[in-house]
Amino acid sequence: MDHTKDIKTRRKKRIKTTEDPNQKKVDKSHKKTNVYYTILEPETENNRSWYIGAIRTIADETDKTKTYRINSNLSKETADILVMIEALKIKGNIHIKTNRIETMKDIKLNIKRWEKEDFLQKEDREAWRAITYQLRLHEGKTKISKIETEEEIDIIKGITETLGNSRPAESVWLNKEEIPKPFKLEGSELAELTQKKAYKMILRQCERQPGNDPTKRRIEKTKEELLRKTGTCITRNDIWINNGKRIIPPKVNDFLWKLCHDRHKIGPWFLKIKGWENRAHCKCGKLETMNHIIMEYLLNQGPTIWNYMKSKWKQTFPKTQWLQLTIELIRGLGSIQLGKSPRWMNKAYIERVTKAIWLIWTIRNNRTFNKREMSMELATKMIERTLQVKIETKWIYITNIKDTSHKVKETLKKK
């Protein structure tokens, strides 16, 4: 035993002799960076129907600000969490300072307790799971606190002023694939589980969503298409709710419901019936799918109607671009948002598209069942009539009110 102790002491002496006494110890820990973030809520006065978030990082030599655009369908809490997740992606030791006190308190005090209960009290559980995973994944110390000093208040004020003037290009949305499977834990801890909590969890697990598996796949495709083309991130329930808006007539709503569930009695439906396989194909020889009926086939006058609608849109709204439609976008018609345009312009677009879809569908039905062909000239006249009588007068009046509201009010008073 004494021999082994002597060997250890010799080794320690060797290490001490090799060290340079003049050499300073290097601090391996990362330097702390102050991160400030805030969020502006949607405003109807400024025609902004989305959240705007900003993150400002202040280190020794760097001072950067990033702005993000967040979908208005999400709640304030989830918008806060999304911006916090972006802030946690900064490497090193972080001190996050914010004026969003409620979410800050929840993360500091309640997140551990809620995680044990599988976030039963929260509606958006996926957002809370994502931030807990991001907090564990973050390398370095993280400190979250509210703004207190005058300098910090001035920094947040400066960020809000820049947010009000700027228009952020980058969009933030909650990515479900962000959490890997080993870390994506569902359920409650046995120590925290009570009969009441267990019953709530069973009800949540058995909660049914509309549609079977093929419908869910179609809705997922529409979600991806809406995100890719328009930049809007929505849930399945939002698609079903938005398709039932007042601006969409009941007959078109029924058409969209059948389109989502694939219940229209067209080409693929006839392939399943013996002896009726010939009815599945169009006169041109292609399979009569809904994309072929509405977008492609010339005898249904689909391409001519869409080209006419596009040209008319450019005349009435030259600043906003016409969104090129696909079947996936038509399934989620009520959820379409034309970039940063106001809500009334989105409504104008949706109303025009509903009229065009229903006209093409009626032309197809008259051609197949009543054997009535419609020429290109007659189809353009019909769409002109619908635009002039039902749409043009309404939306041109609204645009005039937006531009010259005082003149319109004076004329109405005189009458």
Protein backbone atom coordinates (compact mmCIF):
# COMPACT_ATOMS: atom_id res chain seq x y z
CA MET A 1 0.00 0.00 0.00
CA ASP A 2 2.85 2.38 0.87
CA HIS A 3 4.56 1.63 -2.41
CA THR A 4 1.43 2.67 -4.43
CA LYS A 5 1.15 5.93 -2.42
CA ASP A 6 4.74 6.81 -3.26
CA ILE A 7 4.08 6.30 -6.98
CA LYS A 8 1.03 8.65 -6.84
CA THR A 9 2.99 11.40 -5.05
CA ARG A 10 5.80 11.16 -7.62
CA ARG A 11 3.30 11.52 -10.48
CA LYS A 12 1.77 14.64 -8.85
CA LYS A 13 5.22 16.21 -8.45
CA ARG A 14 6.00 15.57 -12.13
CA ILE A 15 2.72 17.27 -13.20
CA LYS A 16 3.45 20.29 -10.97
CA THR A 17 6.93 20.69 -12.36
CA THR A 18 5.67 20.61 -15.99
CA GLU A 19 3.16 23.44 -15.37
CA ASP A 20 4.38 26.95 -16.15
CA PRO A 21 3.79 29.30 -13.17
CA ASN A 22 3.59 32.44 -15.38
CA GLN A 23 0.94 30.90 -17.67
CA LYS A 24 -2.59 32.19 -16.95
CA LYS A 25 -5.49 29.81 -16.64
CA VAL A 26 -7.80 29.91 -19.64
CA ASP A 27 -11.50 30.14 -18.89
CA LYS A 28 -13.07 27.44 -21.04
CA SER A 29 -16.63 28.53 -20.32
CA HIS A 30 -18.41 30.55 -23.05
CA LYS A 31 -18.99 34.23 -22.57
CA LYS A 32 -22.52 35.28 -21.64
CA THR A 33 -24.67 36.85 -24.38
CA ASN A 34 -27.69 38.98 -23.53
CA VAL A 35 -30.74 38.06 -25.61
CA TYR A 36 -33.77 40.36 -25.76
CA TYR A 37 -37.02 39.27 -27.39
CA THR A 38 -40.54 40.65 -27.76
CA ILE A 39 -43.70 40.07 -29.82
CA LEU A 40 -46.21 42.38 -31.49
CA GLU A 41 -49.78 41.09 -31.67
CA PRO A 42 -51.97 41.29 -34.84
CA GLU A 43 -53.48 44.70 -35.59
CA THR A 44 -56.53 45.32 -37.78
CA GLU A 45 -55.78 49.05 -38.13
CA ASN A 46 -52.43 48.42 -39.86
CA ASN A 47 -53.88 45.52 -41.93
CA ARG A 48 -51.53 43.06 -40.18
CA SER A 49 -53.10 39.69 -39.42
CA TRP A 50 -50.02 37.98 -37.97
CA TYR A 51 -47.66 38.11 -35.00
CA ILE A 52 -44.23 39.69 -35.37
CA GLY A 53 -41.40 38.49 -33.14
CA ALA A 54 -37.89 39.87 -32.75
CA ILE A 55 -34.66 38.63 -31.12
CA ARG A 56 -31.74 40.96 -30.39
CA THR A 57 -28.42 39.41 -29.33
CA ILE A 58 -25.86 41.67 -27.63
CA ALA A 59 -22.36 40.26 -27.03
CA ASP A 60 -18.95 41.96 -26.64
CA GLU A 61 -18.54 42.95 -30.28
CA THR A 62 -21.74 41.82 -32.00
CA ASP A 63 -25.22 43.35 -31.97
CA LYS A 64 -27.72 41.55 -34.23
CA THR A 65 -31.52 41.58 -34.54
CA LYS A 66 -33.68 39.00 -36.29
CA THR A 67 -37.38 39.40 -37.05
CA TYR A 68 -39.88 36.58 -37.48
CA ARG A 69 -43.41 36.29 -38.79
CA ILE A 70 -45.77 33.97 -36.88
CA ASN A 71 -49.19 32.74 -37.95
CA SER A 72 -52.18 34.49 -36.30
CA ASN A 73 -54.07 31.17 -35.89
CA LEU A 74 -51.71 30.35 -33.01
CA SER A 75 -52.24 31.68 -29.50
CA LYS A 76 -50.08 34.32 -27.78
CA GLU A 77 -48.49 31.65 -25.60
CA THR A 78 -47.40 29.47 -28.54
CA ALA A 79 -46.07 32.54 -30.38
CA ASP A 80 -43.94 33.35 -27.31
CA ILE A 81 -42.68 29.77 -27.15
CA LEU A 82 -41.73 29.74 -30.85
CA VAL A 83 -39.62 32.88 -30.47
CA MET A 84 -38.08 31.46 -27.26
CA ILE A 85 -37.10 28.28 -29.17
CA GLU A 86 -35.35 30.44 -31.79
CA ALA A 87 -33.53 32.29 -28.99
CA LEU A 88 -32.36 29.01 -27.42
CA LYS A 89 -30.64 28.05 -30.69
CA ILE A 90 -27.92 30.62 -29.89
CA LYS A 91 -24.82 28.82 -28.63
CA GLY A 92 -23.10 29.44 -25.31
CA ASN A 93 -24.30 30.90 -22.02
CA ILE A 94 -27.46 32.93 -22.52
CA HIS A 95 -29.35 35.46 -20.44
CA ILE A 96 -32.82 35.91 -22.01
CA LYS A 97 -34.60 39.13 -21.05
CA THR A 98 -38.18 39.84 -22.08
CA ASN A 99 -41.31 41.84 -21.32
CA ARG A 100 -43.52 38.74 -21.82
CA ILE A 101 -43.86 37.99 -18.12
CA GLU A 102 -46.54 35.23 -18.15
CA THR A 103 -44.68 32.74 -20.34
CA MET A 104 -41.41 33.58 -18.60
CA LYS A 105 -42.92 32.70 -15.20
CA ASP A 106 -44.44 29.48 -16.58
CA ILE A 107 -41.09 28.35 -17.97
CA LYS A 108 -39.23 29.19 -14.76
CA LEU A 109 -41.70 27.87 -12.19
CA ASN A 110 -44.20 25.42 -13.71
CA ILE A 111 -42.58 23.66 -16.68
CA LYS A 112 -41.10 20.78 -14.63
CA ARG A 113 -44.40 20.10 -12.86
CA TRP A 114 -46.38 20.30 -16.09
CA GLU A 115 -43.96 17.93 -17.84
CA LYS A 116 -44.61 15.30 -15.16
CA GLU A 117 -48.35 15.67 -15.88
CA ASP A 118 -47.78 15.56 -19.69
CA PHE A 119 -48.99 19.19 -20.03
CA LEU A 120 -52.63 18.31 -19.35
CA GLN A 121 -53.53 21.93 -18.53
CA LYS A 122 -52.11 23.27 -21.80
CA GLU A 123 -53.84 23.23 -25.19
CA ASP A 124 -50.69 23.30 -27.34
CA ARG A 125 -48.76 20.44 -25.75
CA GLU A 126 -46.41 20.03 -28.71
CA ALA A 127 -45.06 23.57 -28.28
CA TRP A 128 -44.33 22.97 -24.60
CA ARG A 129 -42.69 19.62 -25.35
CA ALA A 130 -40.53 21.32 -27.99
CA ILE A 131 -39.30 24.03 -25.61
CA THR A 132 -38.49 21.51 -22.84
CA TYR A 133 -36.47 19.49 -25.35
CA GLN A 134 -34.72 22.66 -26.58
CA LEU A 135 -33.85 23.69 -23.01
CA ARG A 136 -32.23 20.28 -22.40
CA LEU A 137 -30.46 20.34 -25.76
CA HIS A 138 -28.97 23.81 -25.26
CA GLU A 139 -25.22 23.83 -24.50
CA GLY A 140 -24.37 26.26 -21.75
CA LYS A 141 -26.27 27.98 -18.97
CA THR A 142 -29.63 29.59 -19.67
CA LYS A 143 -31.10 32.33 -17.50
CA ILE A 144 -34.54 33.86 -18.10
CA SER A 145 -35.67 37.08 -16.44
CA LYS A 146 -37.93 40.08 -17.01
CA ILE A 147 -36.61 43.52 -17.98
CA GLU A 148 -35.95 45.75 -14.97
CA THR A 149 -33.40 48.50 -15.68
CA GLU A 150 -34.06 51.58 -17.82
CA GLU A 151 -31.50 50.49 -20.42
CA GLU A 152 -33.31 47.18 -20.95
CA ILE A 153 -36.68 48.98 -21.25
CA ASP A 154 -35.17 51.32 -23.89
CA ILE A 155 -33.82 48.31 -25.83
CA ILE A 156 -37.26 46.66 -25.92
CA LYS A 157 -38.86 49.97 -26.98
CA GLY A 158 -36.35 50.28 -29.80
CA ILE A 159 -37.13 46.73 -30.96
CA THR A 160 -40.91 47.40 -30.98
CA GLU A 161 -40.41 50.61 -33.00
CA THR A 162 -38.36 48.78 -35.62
CA LEU A 163 -40.94 45.95 -35.70
CA GLY A 164 -43.76 48.38 -36.36
CA ASN A 165 -41.96 49.82 -39.41
CA SER A 166 -40.38 46.63 -40.81
CA ARG A 167 -41.98 43.65 -42.55
CA PRO A 168 -40.25 40.38 -41.58
CA ALA A 169 -39.63 37.89 -44.35
CA GLU A 170 -38.68 34.87 -42.23
CA SER A 171 -41.56 32.70 -40.97
CA VAL A 172 -41.54 30.63 -37.78
CA TRP A 173 -43.72 27.59 -37.22
CA LEU A 174 -43.72 24.63 -34.85
CA ASN A 175 -42.03 21.62 -36.42
CA LYS A 176 -43.31 18.30 -35.04
CA GLU A 177 -40.23 16.45 -36.26
CA GLU A 178 -37.98 18.65 -34.13
CA ILE A 179 -38.09 16.23 -31.17
CA PRO A 180 -36.45 12.81 -31.82
CA LYS A 181 -38.37 9.68 -30.89
CA PRO A 182 -36.25 8.68 -27.85
CA PHE A 183 -36.86 12.10 -26.27
CA LYS A 184 -40.54 12.41 -27.27
CA LEU A 185 -42.12 11.01 -24.11
CA GLU A 186 -45.87 10.91 -23.65
CA GLY A 187 -47.75 10.17 -20.46
CA SER A 188 -47.49 11.09 -16.80
CA GLU A 189 -45.20 9.99 -13.99
CA LEU A 190 -46.74 7.45 -11.60
CA ALA A 191 -45.86 9.61 -8.59
CA GLU A 192 -47.89 12.53 -10.03
CA LEU A 193 -50.73 10.44 -11.51
CA THR A 194 -54.17 10.68 -9.89
CA GLN A 195 -57.52 9.25 -10.93
CA LYS A 196 -58.67 12.61 -12.25
CA LYS A 197 -55.52 13.09 -14.36
CA ALA A 198 -55.68 9.51 -15.65
CA TYR A 199 -59.30 10.01 -16.74
CA LYS A 200 -58.40 13.25 -18.56
CA MET A 201 -55.52 11.54 -20.34
CA ILE A 202 -57.77 8.66 -21.46
CA LEU A 203 -60.31 11.16 -22.85
CA ARG A 204 -57.53 13.01 -24.68
CA GLN A 205 -56.18 9.77 -26.16
CA CYS A 206 -59.64 8.64 -27.33
CA GLU A 207 -60.50 12.04 -28.80
CA ARG A 208 -61.52 11.51 -32.40
CA GLN A 209 -60.51 13.77 -35.27
CA PRO A 210 -62.64 14.13 -38.43
CA GLY A 211 -61.75 11.84 -41.31
CA ASN A 212 -60.12 8.45 -41.81
CA ASP A 213 -56.46 7.80 -42.65
CA PRO A 214 -56.63 8.68 -46.41
CA THR A 215 -58.44 11.94 -45.59
CA LYS A 216 -55.82 12.82 -42.99
CA ARG A 217 -53.12 12.25 -45.60
CA ARG A 218 -54.90 14.60 -48.02
CA ILE A 219 -55.28 17.26 -45.31
CA GLU A 220 -51.58 16.91 -44.46
CA LYS A 221 -50.75 17.53 -48.14
CA THR A 222 -52.93 20.67 -48.14
CA LYS A 223 -51.14 21.88 -45.01
CA GLU A 224 -47.76 21.39 -46.70
CA GLU A 225 -48.96 23.13 -49.88
CA LEU A 226 -50.37 26.10 -47.93
CA LEU A 227 -47.09 26.42 -46.05
CA ARG A 228 -45.03 26.20 -49.24
CA LYS A 229 -47.13 28.55 -51.41
CA THR A 230 -48.56 31.07 -48.91
CA GLY A 231 -46.37 30.69 -45.81
CA THR A 232 -49.32 30.00 -43.49
CA CYS A 233 -49.05 27.21 -40.93
CA ILE A 234 -52.41 25.87 -39.70
CA THR A 235 -53.86 22.79 -38.03
CA ARG A 236 -56.28 20.20 -39.42
CA ASN A 237 -59.20 21.66 -37.48
CA ASP A 238 -58.49 25.13 -38.91
CA ILE A 239 -58.90 23.77 -42.46
CA TRP A 240 -62.31 22.28 -41.65
CA ILE A 241 -63.46 25.43 -39.80
CA ASN A 242 -62.20 27.90 -42.45
CA ASN A 243 -63.93 25.99 -45.26
CA GLY A 244 -67.23 26.67 -43.49
CA LYS A 245 -66.84 30.46 -43.64
CA ARG A 246 -69.74 32.71 -44.63
CA ILE A 247 -67.98 33.83 -47.78
CA ILE A 248 -68.01 30.22 -49.10
CA PRO A 249 -71.59 29.21 -50.12
CA PRO A 250 -73.08 25.97 -48.69
CA LYS A 251 -73.02 24.20 -52.07
CA VAL A 252 -69.30 24.96 -52.50
CA ASN A 253 -68.67 23.95 -48.87
CA ASP A 254 -70.32 20.59 -49.64
CA PHE A 255 -68.15 20.31 -52.76
CA LEU A 256 -64.98 20.95 -50.70
CA TRP A 257 -66.05 18.44 -48.03
CA LYS A 258 -66.48 15.74 -50.69
CA LEU A 259 -63.16 16.74 -52.24
CA CYS A 260 -61.35 16.32 -48.90
CA HIS A 261 -62.97 12.91 -48.29
CA ASP A 262 -62.71 11.84 -52.00
CA ARG A 263 -66.47 11.23 -52.25
CA HIS A 264 -67.09 12.70 -55.70
CA LYS A 265 -68.45 10.12 -58.15
CA ILE A 266 -65.83 10.60 -60.84
CA GLY A 267 -63.07 8.53 -62.51
CA PRO A 268 -61.46 6.65 -59.59
CA TRP A 269 -64.89 5.86 -58.09
CA PHE A 270 -66.00 4.04 -61.30
CA LEU A 271 -62.82 1.94 -61.34
CA LYS A 272 -64.02 0.12 -58.21
CA ILE A 273 -67.30 -1.03 -59.88
CA LYS A 274 -67.27 -4.00 -62.27
CA GLY A 275 -68.56 -3.24 -65.73
CA TRP A 276 -68.34 0.56 -65.21
CA GLU A 277 -64.62 0.93 -65.78
CA ASN A 278 -65.17 2.72 -69.13
CA ARG A 279 -66.87 5.68 -67.37
CA ALA A 280 -63.72 6.35 -65.37
CA HIS A 281 -61.93 7.85 -68.38
CA CYS A 282 -62.57 11.18 -70.06
CA LYS A 283 -63.16 11.72 -73.80
CA CYS A 284 -59.51 12.65 -74.20
CA GLY A 285 -58.50 9.23 -72.80
CA LYS A 286 -57.13 10.39 -69.44
CA LEU A 287 -58.48 9.34 -66.04
CA GLU A 288 -61.15 11.84 -64.96
CA THR A 289 -59.67 13.10 -61.69
CA MET A 290 -60.72 16.35 -60.03
CA ASN A 291 -57.46 18.00 -61.09
CA HIS A 292 -58.21 17.06 -64.72
CA ILE A 293 -61.79 18.38 -64.47
CA ILE A 294 -61.11 21.76 -62.85
CA MET A 295 -57.62 22.66 -64.06
CA GLU A 296 -56.79 20.81 -67.31
CA TYR A 297 -59.69 19.68 -69.53
CA LEU A 298 -60.47 22.21 -72.29
CA LEU A 299 -64.13 21.21 -72.86
CA ASN A 300 -64.90 22.09 -69.22
CA GLN A 301 -63.50 25.57 -70.03
CA GLY A 302 -61.26 25.41 -66.94
CA PRO A 303 -58.06 26.92 -68.46
CA THR A 304 -60.01 29.75 -70.16
CA ILE A 305 -61.87 30.68 -66.96
CA TRP A 306 -58.68 30.68 -64.86
CA ASN A 307 -56.81 32.81 -67.42
CA TYR A 308 -59.70 35.28 -67.52
CA MET A 309 -59.81 35.46 -63.69
CA LYS A 310 -56.06 36.07 -63.57
CA SER A 311 -56.23 38.93 -66.10
CA LYS A 312 -59.17 40.56 -64.27
CA TRP A 313 -57.33 40.26 -60.96
CA LYS A 314 -54.33 42.10 -62.42
CA GLN A 315 -56.61 44.92 -63.57
CA THR A 316 -58.41 45.39 -60.24
CA PHE A 317 -55.49 44.57 -57.86
CA PRO A 318 -52.23 45.31 -59.75
CA LYS A 319 -50.05 45.33 -56.62
CA THR A 320 -50.93 41.82 -55.39
CA GLN A 321 -50.04 38.75 -57.42
CA TRP A 322 -52.60 36.11 -58.40
CA LEU A 323 -51.97 32.83 -56.57
CA GLN A 324 -51.74 29.86 -58.96
CA LEU A 325 -54.11 27.19 -57.66
CA THR A 326 -53.65 23.45 -57.23
CA ILE A 327 -56.08 20.78 -55.95
CA GLU A 328 -54.33 20.81 -52.57
CA LEU A 329 -54.92 24.56 -52.27
CA ILE A 330 -58.57 24.18 -53.32
CA ARG A 331 -59.09 21.66 -50.48
CA GLY A 332 -57.98 24.34 -48.01
CA LEU A 333 -59.63 27.25 -49.86
CA GLY A 334 -60.90 29.01 -46.72
CA SER A 335 -57.37 29.10 -45.23
CA ILE A 336 -55.64 30.85 -48.16
CA GLN A 337 -53.77 34.06 -47.29
CA LEU A 338 -52.17 36.17 -50.00
CA GLY A 339 -48.90 36.96 -48.25
CA LYS A 340 -49.00 40.31 -46.45
CA SER A 341 -52.24 41.54 -48.06
CA PRO A 342 -55.19 42.61 -45.85
CA ARG A 343 -58.09 40.33 -44.94
CA TRP A 344 -60.62 41.94 -47.27
CA MET A 345 -58.35 41.13 -50.25
CA ASN A 346 -58.08 37.49 -49.12
CA LYS A 347 -61.89 37.38 -49.01
CA ALA A 348 -62.07 38.86 -52.52
CA TYR A 349 -59.73 36.15 -53.81
CA ILE A 350 -61.66 33.33 -52.10
CA GLU A 351 -64.99 34.62 -53.43
CA ARG A 352 -63.68 34.74 -57.01
CA VAL A 353 -62.22 31.24 -56.78
CA THR A 354 -65.49 29.77 -55.41
CA LYS A 355 -67.46 31.26 -58.33
CA ALA A 356 -64.96 29.87 -60.86
CA ILE A 357 -64.89 26.37 -59.31
CA TRP A 358 -68.67 26.10 -59.21
CA LEU A 359 -69.03 27.31 -62.82
CA ILE A 360 -66.49 24.71 -64.08
CA TRP A 361 -68.22 21.97 -62.06
CA THR A 362 -71.68 22.88 -63.50
CA ILE A 363 -70.27 22.96 -67.07
CA ARG A 364 -68.83 19.47 -66.55
CA ASN A 365 -72.10 18.08 -65.12
CA ASN A 366 -74.19 19.57 -67.95
CA ARG A 367 -71.77 18.10 -70.49
CA THR A 368 -71.75 14.57 -69.01
CA PHE A 369 -75.35 14.14 -67.82
CA ASN A 370 -77.44 16.55 -69.96
CA LYS A 371 -75.08 16.40 -72.99
CA ARG A 372 -74.90 20.19 -73.26
CA GLU A 373 -71.63 21.53 -74.56
CA MET A 374 -70.55 25.08 -73.70
CA SER A 375 -68.39 27.23 -75.93
CA MET A 376 -65.48 29.36 -74.79
CA GLU A 377 -67.33 32.61 -75.53
CA LEU A 378 -70.37 31.59 -73.47
CA ALA A 379 -68.20 30.55 -70.53
CA THR A 380 -66.35 33.89 -70.53
CA LYS A 381 -69.69 35.75 -70.70
CA MET A 382 -70.99 33.81 -67.70
CA ILE A 383 -67.91 34.52 -65.62
CA GLU A 384 -68.04 38.19 -66.67
CA ARG A 385 -71.65 38.39 -65.49
CA THR A 386 -70.82 36.87 -62.08
CA LEU A 387 -67.84 39.18 -61.64
CA GLN A 388 -69.72 42.33 -62.58
CA VAL A 389 -72.95 41.68 -60.68
CA LYS A 390 -71.79 39.89 -57.50
CA ILE A 391 -68.10 40.63 -56.98
CA GLU A 392 -66.81 43.68 -58.86
CA THR A 393 -69.32 46.19 -57.46
CA LYS A 394 -68.78 44.98 -53.90
CA TRP A 395 -64.96 44.90 -53.84
CA ILE A 396 -64.40 48.06 -55.92
CA TYR A 397 -66.66 49.88 -53.44
CA ILE A 398 -64.54 48.55 -50.55
CA THR A 399 -61.26 49.61 -52.24
CA ASN A 400 -62.68 53.11 -52.80
CA ILE A 401 -63.62 53.31 -49.11
CA LYS A 402 -60.09 52.26 -48.16
CA ASP A 403 -58.55 54.95 -50.41
CA THR A 404 -61.06 57.86 -50.12
CA SER A 405 -63.30 57.19 -47.14
CA HIS A 406 -64.07 60.88 -46.41
CA LYS A 407 -65.41 61.50 -49.96
CA VAL A 408 -67.72 58.47 -49.80
CA LYS A 409 -69.09 59.58 -46.42
CA GLU A 410 -69.85 63.08 -47.76
CA THR A 411 -71.74 61.70 -50.78
CA LEU A 412 -73.76 59.34 -48.56
CA LYS A 413 -74.75 62.25 -46.28
CA LYS A 414 -75.98 64.31 -49.24
CA LYS A 415 -78.18 61.45 -50.46
